[in-house]
Amino acid sequence: MGLSNAASMAQMAASDFQNAQTIYTQMQADAQKQEMSRWKILQDTQTKIFEIQQDVTVNKAKTQDKMFNKWDEYIRG
């Protein structure tokens, strides 16, 4: 009976270890997926910020050109 009991305990321990390994692998996969999601959000955010900065720069230049033309028109007019 003792040998059978020991074998049963060893089998349960091996099964527990396998389950723990499976859970750990799933946790790592989830963590990697979340990290990639955060990286994508960061990239999208940086792209949007860059686009906004470009729009503001172009808009400022256009506004300055308009103001210069108005001032020039006033002086010449």
N, C-alpha and C. Protein backbone atom coordinates (compact mmCIF):
# COMPACT_ATOMS: atom_id res chain seq x y z
N MET A 1 0.82 -1.19 0.00
CA MET A 1 0.00 0.00 0.00
C MET A 1 0.87 1.26 0.00
N GLY A 2 1.99 1.22 0.67
CA GLY A 2 2.85 2.39 0.77
C GLY A 2 3.41 2.80 -0.56
N LEU A 3 3.82 1.84 -1.38
CA LEU A 3 4.39 2.15 -2.69
C LEU A 3 3.33 2.72 -3.62
N SER A 4 2.15 2.18 -3.58
CA SER A 4 1.03 2.67 -4.39
C SER A 4 0.67 4.09 -3.98
N ASN A 5 0.68 4.34 -2.70
CA ASN A 5 0.35 5.67 -2.18
C ASN A 5 1.42 6.68 -2.60
N ALA A 6 2.67 6.29 -2.56
CA ALA A 6 3.77 7.18 -2.96
C ALA A 6 3.69 7.50 -4.45
N ALA A 7 3.37 6.48 -5.25
CA ALA A 7 3.24 6.70 -6.69
C ALA A 7 2.08 7.65 -6.98
N SER A 8 1.00 7.49 -6.26
CA SER A 8 -0.16 8.36 -6.43
C SER A 8 0.19 9.79 -6.06
N MET A 9 0.93 9.97 -4.97
CA MET A 9 1.35 11.31 -4.52
C MET A 9 2.29 11.95 -5.56
N ALA A 10 3.19 11.14 -6.11
CA ALA A 10 4.13 11.65 -7.11
C ALA A 10 3.37 12.07 -8.36
N GLN A 11 2.38 11.29 -8.75
CA GLN A 11 1.57 11.63 -9.92
C GLN A 11 0.79 12.92 -9.69
N MET A 12 0.26 13.10 -8.49
CA MET A 12 -0.48 14.33 -8.16
C MET A 12 0.46 15.53 -8.18
N ALA A 13 1.67 15.36 -7.66
CA ALA A 13 2.64 16.45 -7.64
C ALA A 13 3.03 16.83 -9.07
N ALA A 14 3.22 15.82 -9.92
CA ALA A 14 3.57 16.09 -11.31
C ALA A 14 2.42 16.81 -12.01
N SER A 15 1.21 16.41 -11.73
CA SER A 15 0.03 17.05 -12.31
C SER A 15 -0.09 18.50 -11.84
N ASP A 16 0.15 18.72 -10.56
CA ASP A 16 0.11 20.09 -10.02
C ASP A 16 1.18 20.96 -10.67
N PHE A 17 2.38 20.38 -10.84
CA PHE A 17 3.47 21.13 -11.46
C PHE A 17 3.10 21.48 -12.90
N GLN A 18 2.51 20.52 -13.63
CA GLN A 18 2.10 20.76 -15.02
C GLN A 18 1.04 21.85 -15.09
N ASN A 19 0.08 21.81 -14.17
CA ASN A 19 -0.97 22.85 -14.13
C ASN A 19 -0.37 24.22 -13.83
N ALA A 20 0.57 24.26 -12.90
CA ALA A 20 1.23 25.53 -12.55
C ALA A 20 2.00 26.06 -13.74
N GLN A 21 2.67 25.18 -14.47
CA GLN A 21 3.42 25.60 -15.65
C GLN A 21 2.48 26.16 -16.71
N THR A 22 1.36 25.51 -16.90
CA THR A 22 0.37 25.96 -17.89
C THR A 22 -0.16 27.35 -17.51
N ILE A 23 -0.48 27.54 -16.25
CA ILE A 23 -0.98 28.84 -15.78
C ILE A 23 0.08 29.92 -15.97
N TYR A 24 1.33 29.59 -15.63
CA TYR A 24 2.43 30.55 -15.79
C TYR A 24 2.59 30.95 -17.26
N THR A 25 2.52 29.97 -18.16
CA THR A 25 2.65 30.25 -19.59
C THR A 25 1.51 31.16 -20.07
N GLN A 26 0.31 30.88 -19.59
CA GLN A 26 -0.84 31.73 -19.95
C GLN A 26 -0.67 33.15 -19.42
N MET A 27 -0.16 33.26 -18.20
CA MET A 27 0.06 34.59 -17.62
C MET A 27 1.11 35.36 -18.42
N GLN A 28 2.16 34.68 -18.83
CA GLN A 28 3.19 35.34 -19.63
C GLN A 28 2.63 35.80 -20.97
N ALA A 29 1.82 34.95 -21.60
CA ALA A 29 1.22 35.32 -22.89
C ALA A 29 0.30 36.53 -22.72
N ASP A 30 -0.49 36.54 -21.65
CA ASP A 30 -1.38 37.69 -21.39
C ASP A 30 -0.57 38.96 -21.14
N ALA A 31 0.51 38.83 -20.38
CA ALA A 31 1.34 40.00 -20.08
C ALA A 31 1.97 40.55 -21.36
N GLN A 32 2.43 39.66 -22.22
CA GLN A 32 3.02 40.09 -23.48
C GLN A 32 1.98 40.76 -24.37
N LYS A 33 0.78 40.21 -24.39
CA LYS A 33 -0.31 40.79 -25.18
C LYS A 33 -0.65 42.19 -24.68
N GLN A 34 -0.70 42.35 -23.36
CA GLN A 34 -0.99 43.67 -22.78
C GLN A 34 0.13 44.65 -23.09
N GLU A 35 1.37 44.18 -23.03
CA GLU A 35 2.50 45.06 -23.33
C GLU A 35 2.46 45.52 -24.78
N MET A 36 2.12 44.63 -25.69
CA MET A 36 2.00 45.00 -27.10
C MET A 36 0.84 45.98 -27.30
N SER A 37 -0.22 45.79 -26.57
CA SER A 37 -1.36 46.71 -26.66
C SER A 37 -0.95 48.10 -26.18
N ARG A 38 -0.23 48.16 -25.06
CA ARG A 38 0.24 49.46 -24.55
C ARG A 38 1.20 50.11 -25.55
N TRP A 39 2.06 49.32 -26.17
CA TRP A 39 3.02 49.84 -27.14
C TRP A 39 2.28 50.43 -28.34
N LYS A 40 1.23 49.74 -28.79
CA LYS A 40 0.43 50.23 -29.93
C LYS A 40 -0.26 51.54 -29.56
N ILE A 41 -0.81 51.61 -28.35
CA ILE A 41 -1.46 52.85 -27.89
C ILE A 41 -0.44 53.98 -27.85
N LEU A 42 0.75 53.70 -27.34
CA LEU A 42 1.80 54.72 -27.28
C LEU A 42 2.18 55.21 -28.67
N GLN A 43 2.34 54.28 -29.60
CA GLN A 43 2.67 54.67 -30.97
C GLN A 43 1.56 55.52 -31.59
N ASP A 44 0.32 55.11 -31.40
CA ASP A 44 -0.81 55.86 -31.95
C ASP A 44 -0.88 57.26 -31.35
N THR A 45 -0.65 57.34 -30.05
CA THR A 45 -0.68 58.64 -29.36
C THR A 45 0.42 59.56 -29.88
N GLN A 46 1.63 59.01 -30.02
CA GLN A 46 2.74 59.82 -30.52
C GLN A 46 2.49 60.27 -31.95
N THR A 47 1.91 59.40 -32.76
CA THR A 47 1.59 59.78 -34.14
C THR A 47 0.57 60.91 -34.17
N LYS A 48 -0.46 60.80 -33.33
CA LYS A 48 -1.49 61.85 -33.26
C LYS A 48 -0.89 63.18 -32.80
N ILE A 49 -0.03 63.13 -31.77
CA ILE A 49 0.61 64.35 -31.28
C ILE A 49 1.43 64.99 -32.40
N PHE A 50 2.19 64.18 -33.13
CA PHE A 50 3.00 64.70 -34.23
C PHE A 50 2.11 65.35 -35.28
N GLU A 51 1.00 64.69 -35.64
CA GLU A 51 0.09 65.25 -36.64
C GLU A 51 -0.50 66.58 -36.16
N ILE A 52 -0.87 66.65 -34.90
CA ILE A 52 -1.43 67.90 -34.36
C ILE A 52 -0.38 69.00 -34.40
N GLN A 53 0.86 68.67 -34.01
CA GLN A 53 1.92 69.67 -34.05
C GLN A 53 2.16 70.16 -35.47
N GLN A 54 2.11 69.25 -36.43
CA GLN A 54 2.29 69.65 -37.82
C GLN A 54 1.15 70.57 -38.26
N ASP A 55 -0.07 70.23 -37.90
CA ASP A 55 -1.22 71.07 -38.25
C ASP A 55 -1.10 72.46 -37.65
N VAL A 56 -0.69 72.52 -36.39
CA VAL A 56 -0.54 73.81 -35.72
C VAL A 56 0.55 74.63 -36.40
N THR A 57 1.65 74.01 -36.74
CA THR A 57 2.75 74.71 -37.39
C THR A 57 2.31 75.27 -38.74
N VAL A 58 1.61 74.46 -39.52
CA VAL A 58 1.12 74.91 -40.83
C VAL A 58 0.10 76.03 -40.65
N ASN A 59 -0.80 75.87 -39.68
CA ASN A 59 -1.83 76.87 -39.44
C ASN A 59 -1.20 78.20 -39.01
N LYS A 60 -0.17 78.12 -38.15
CA LYS A 60 0.51 79.35 -37.72
C LYS A 60 1.15 80.05 -38.91
N ALA A 61 1.78 79.27 -39.76
CA ALA A 61 2.44 79.86 -40.94
C ALA A 61 1.40 80.50 -41.85
N LYS A 62 0.29 79.84 -42.08
CA LYS A 62 -0.77 80.40 -42.93
C LYS A 62 -1.33 81.68 -42.31
N THR A 63 -1.54 81.67 -41.00
CA THR A 63 -2.07 82.86 -40.31
C THR A 63 -1.08 84.01 -40.43
N GLN A 64 0.21 83.74 -40.25
CA GLN A 64 1.21 84.79 -40.37
C GLN A 64 1.24 85.35 -41.79
N ASP A 65 1.11 84.45 -42.77
CA ASP A 65 1.07 84.92 -44.16
C ASP A 65 -0.14 85.82 -44.40
N LYS A 66 -1.29 85.41 -43.88
CA LYS A 66 -2.50 86.23 -44.04
C LYS A 66 -2.32 87.59 -43.37
N MET A 67 -1.77 87.57 -42.15
CA MET A 67 -1.57 88.84 -41.43
C MET A 67 -0.58 89.74 -42.18
N PHE A 68 0.48 89.15 -42.71
CA PHE A 68 1.44 89.94 -43.47
C PHE A 68 0.77 90.55 -44.69
N ASN A 69 -0.03 89.73 -45.40
CA ASN A 69 -0.71 90.24 -46.59
C ASN A 69 -1.68 91.35 -46.23
N LYS A 70 -2.39 91.23 -45.12
CA LYS A 70 -3.32 92.29 -44.67
C LYS A 70 -2.55 93.55 -44.35
N TRP A 71 -1.44 93.41 -43.64
CA TRP A 71 -0.63 94.56 -43.26
C TRP A 71 -0.06 95.21 -44.52
N ASP A 72 0.43 94.41 -45.46
CA ASP A 72 0.97 94.93 -46.71
C ASP A 72 -0.12 95.67 -47.49
N GLU A 73 -1.30 95.05 -47.52
CA GLU A 73 -2.43 95.67 -48.20
C GLU A 73 -2.78 97.01 -47.56
N TYR A 74 -2.75 97.07 -46.23
CA TYR A 74 -3.05 98.30 -45.51
C TYR A 74 -2.03 99.39 -45.84
N ILE A 75 -0.76 98.99 -45.83
CA ILE A 75 0.30 99.97 -46.08
C ILE A 75 0.23 100.50 -47.52
N ARG A 76 0.00 99.60 -48.44
CA ARG A 76 -0.03 100.00 -49.86
C ARG A 76 -1.36 100.69 -50.22
N GLY A 77 -2.39 100.39 -49.47
CA GLY A 77 -3.73 100.82 -49.82
C GLY A 77 -4.08 102.19 -49.50
